[in-house]
Amino acid sequence: MRVIVLLALFCIGLFAVDMNKATLNELKELNGIGAKKAEMIIRYRSEHKCFKNKEDLLNVKGIGQGFLQKNEGQLTFSACK
């Protein structure tokens, strides 16, 4: 059972997108994100230093609760520098 849990956590890590480091192309891999929204995410990130948590994403125009629900488990947030 422990092996299955560890394997699941490892797989989630393989497909997770770090919202504070992701490139435009990496962001476009997320469900509901095209080039324009990816650019808006990168712009917000550069203007505000980083995203501290998933709720910060809601400050980006066009990002709502639906996006967070569709991508639950795929979003990570590295520490702010």
C-alpha atoms as a PDB file:
ATOM      1  CA  MET A   1       0.000   0.000   0.000  1.00  0.00           C
ATOM      2  CA  ARG A   2       2.830   2.431   0.847  1.00  0.00           C
ATOM      3  CA  VAL A   3       4.421   1.727  -2.515  1.00  0.00           C
ATOM      4  CA  ILE A   4       1.217   2.657  -4.333  1.00  0.00           C
ATOM      5  CA  VAL A   5       0.895   5.914  -2.405  1.00  0.00           C
ATOM      6  CA  LEU A   6       4.542   6.823  -3.076  1.00  0.00           C
ATOM      7  CA  LEU A   7       4.160   5.960  -6.762  1.00  0.00           C
ATOM      8  CA  ALA A   8       1.037   8.128  -7.010  1.00  0.00           C
ATOM      9  CA  LEU A   9       2.814  11.075  -5.378  1.00  0.00           C
ATOM     10  CA  PHE A  10       5.775  10.615  -7.713  1.00  0.00           C
ATOM     11  CA  CYS A  11       3.509  10.593 -10.786  1.00  0.00           C
ATOM     12  CA  ILE A  12       1.708  13.734  -9.655  1.00  0.00           C
ATOM     13  CA  GLY A  13       5.092  15.423  -9.304  1.00  0.00           C
ATOM     14  CA  LEU A  14       6.027  14.425 -12.844  1.00  0.00           C
ATOM     15  CA  PHE A  15       3.024  16.166 -14.337  1.00  0.00           C
ATOM     16  CA  ALA A  16       2.766  19.130 -11.989  1.00  0.00           C
ATOM     17  CA  VAL A  17       3.308  22.645 -13.283  1.00  0.00           C
ATOM     18  CA  ASP A  18       5.152  25.075 -11.030  1.00  0.00           C
ATOM     19  CA  MET A  19       3.210  28.285 -11.557  1.00  0.00           C
ATOM     20  CA  ASN A  20       6.198  30.382 -10.435  1.00  0.00           C
ATOM     21  CA  LYS A  21       8.638  28.890 -12.959  1.00  0.00           C
ATOM     22  CA  ALA A  22       6.566  27.566 -15.849  1.00  0.00           C
ATOM     23  CA  THR A  23       7.254  28.742 -19.382  1.00  0.00           C
ATOM     24  CA  LEU A  24       4.534  29.833 -21.776  1.00  0.00           C
ATOM     25  CA  ASN A  25       4.508  26.387 -23.388  1.00  0.00           C
ATOM     26  CA  GLU A  26       4.320  24.607 -20.032  1.00  0.00           C
ATOM     27  CA  LEU A  27       1.385  26.779 -18.976  1.00  0.00           C
ATOM     28  CA  LYS A  28      -0.409  26.000 -22.246  1.00  0.00           C
ATOM     29  CA  GLU A  29      -0.367  22.311 -21.264  1.00  0.00           C
ATOM     30  CA  LEU A  30      -2.856  23.065 -18.487  1.00  0.00           C
ATOM     31  CA  ASN A  31      -6.551  22.523 -19.102  1.00  0.00           C
ATOM     32  CA  GLY A  32      -8.189  25.789 -20.184  1.00  0.00           C
ATOM     33  CA  ILE A  33      -4.983  27.763 -20.844  1.00  0.00           C
ATOM     34  CA  GLY A  34      -4.112  29.070 -24.277  1.00  0.00           C
ATOM     35  CA  ALA A  35      -1.356  31.434 -25.347  1.00  0.00           C
ATOM     36  CA  LYS A  36      -3.194  34.578 -24.257  1.00  0.00           C
ATOM     37  CA  LYS A  37      -3.992  33.376 -20.720  1.00  0.00           C
ATOM     38  CA  ALA A  38      -0.470  31.951 -20.379  1.00  0.00           C
ATOM     39  CA  GLU A  39       0.932  35.386 -21.248  1.00  0.00           C
ATOM     40  CA  MET A  40      -1.364  37.003 -18.680  1.00  0.00           C
ATOM     41  CA  ILE A  41      -0.195  34.551 -16.006  1.00  0.00           C
ATOM     42  CA  ILE A  42       3.456  35.302 -16.799  1.00  0.00           C
ATOM     43  CA  ARG A  43       2.795  39.051 -16.780  1.00  0.00           C
ATOM     44  CA  TYR A  44       1.036  38.887 -13.403  1.00  0.00           C
ATOM     45  CA  ARG A  45       3.829  36.713 -12.027  1.00  0.00           C
ATOM     46  CA  SER A  46       6.525  39.165 -13.128  1.00  0.00           C
ATOM     47  CA  GLU A  47       4.626  42.181 -11.773  1.00  0.00           C
ATOM     48  CA  HIS A  48       3.826  40.587  -8.392  1.00  0.00           C
ATOM     49  CA  LYS A  49       7.003  38.537  -7.865  1.00  0.00           C
ATOM     50  CA  CYS A  50       5.235  35.170  -7.569  1.00  0.00           C
ATOM     51  CA  PHE A  51       2.080  33.233  -6.772  1.00  0.00           C
ATOM     52  CA  LYS A  52       1.977  32.259  -3.100  1.00  0.00           C
ATOM     53  CA  ASN A  53      -0.920  29.832  -3.553  1.00  0.00           C
ATOM     54  CA  LYS A  54      -3.649  28.830  -5.963  1.00  0.00           C
ATOM     55  CA  GLU A  55      -5.960  31.601  -4.753  1.00  0.00           C
ATOM     56  CA  ASP A  56      -3.464  34.171  -6.097  1.00  0.00           C
ATOM     57  CA  LEU A  57      -4.224  32.840  -9.589  1.00  0.00           C
ATOM     58  CA  LEU A  58      -7.754  34.193  -9.234  1.00  0.00           C
ATOM     59  CA  ASN A  59      -6.256  37.692  -9.526  1.00  0.00           C
ATOM     60  CA  VAL A  60      -5.362  36.965 -13.164  1.00  0.00           C
ATOM     61  CA  LYS A  61      -8.122  38.080 -15.528  1.00  0.00           C
ATOM     62  CA  GLY A  62      -9.840  35.063 -17.050  1.00  0.00           C
ATOM     63  CA  ILE A  63      -8.787  32.621 -14.343  1.00  0.00           C
ATOM     64  CA  GLY A  64     -11.605  31.390 -12.154  1.00  0.00           C
ATOM     65  CA  GLN A  65     -12.627  28.591  -9.843  1.00  0.00           C
ATOM     66  CA  GLY A  66     -13.341  26.360 -12.840  1.00  0.00           C
ATOM     67  CA  PHE A  67      -9.694  26.510 -13.885  1.00  0.00           C
ATOM     68  CA  LEU A  68      -8.566  25.615 -10.373  1.00  0.00           C
ATOM     69  CA  GLN A  69     -10.973  22.669 -10.245  1.00  0.00           C
ATOM     70  CA  LYS A  70      -9.973  21.348 -13.692  1.00  0.00           C
ATOM     71  CA  ASN A  71      -6.289  21.481 -12.801  1.00  0.00           C
ATOM     72  CA  GLU A  72      -6.470  20.392  -9.160  1.00  0.00           C
ATOM     73  CA  GLY A  73      -3.398  18.361  -8.326  1.00  0.00           C
ATOM     74  CA  GLN A  74      -1.421  19.669 -11.306  1.00  0.00           C
ATOM     75  CA  LEU A  75      -0.502  23.064  -9.868  1.00  0.00           C
ATOM     76  CA  THR A  76       2.484  23.653  -7.607  1.00  0.00           C
ATOM     77  CA  PHE A  77       3.895  26.868  -6.201  1.00  0.00           C
ATOM     78  CA  SER A  78       7.609  27.084  -5.471  1.00  0.00           C
ATOM     79  CA  ALA A  79       8.777  29.441  -2.756  1.00  0.00           C
ATOM     80  CA  CYS A  80       8.874  33.150  -3.580  1.00  0.00           C
ATOM     81  CA  LYS A  81      12.339  34.563  -3.982  1.00  0.00           C
END
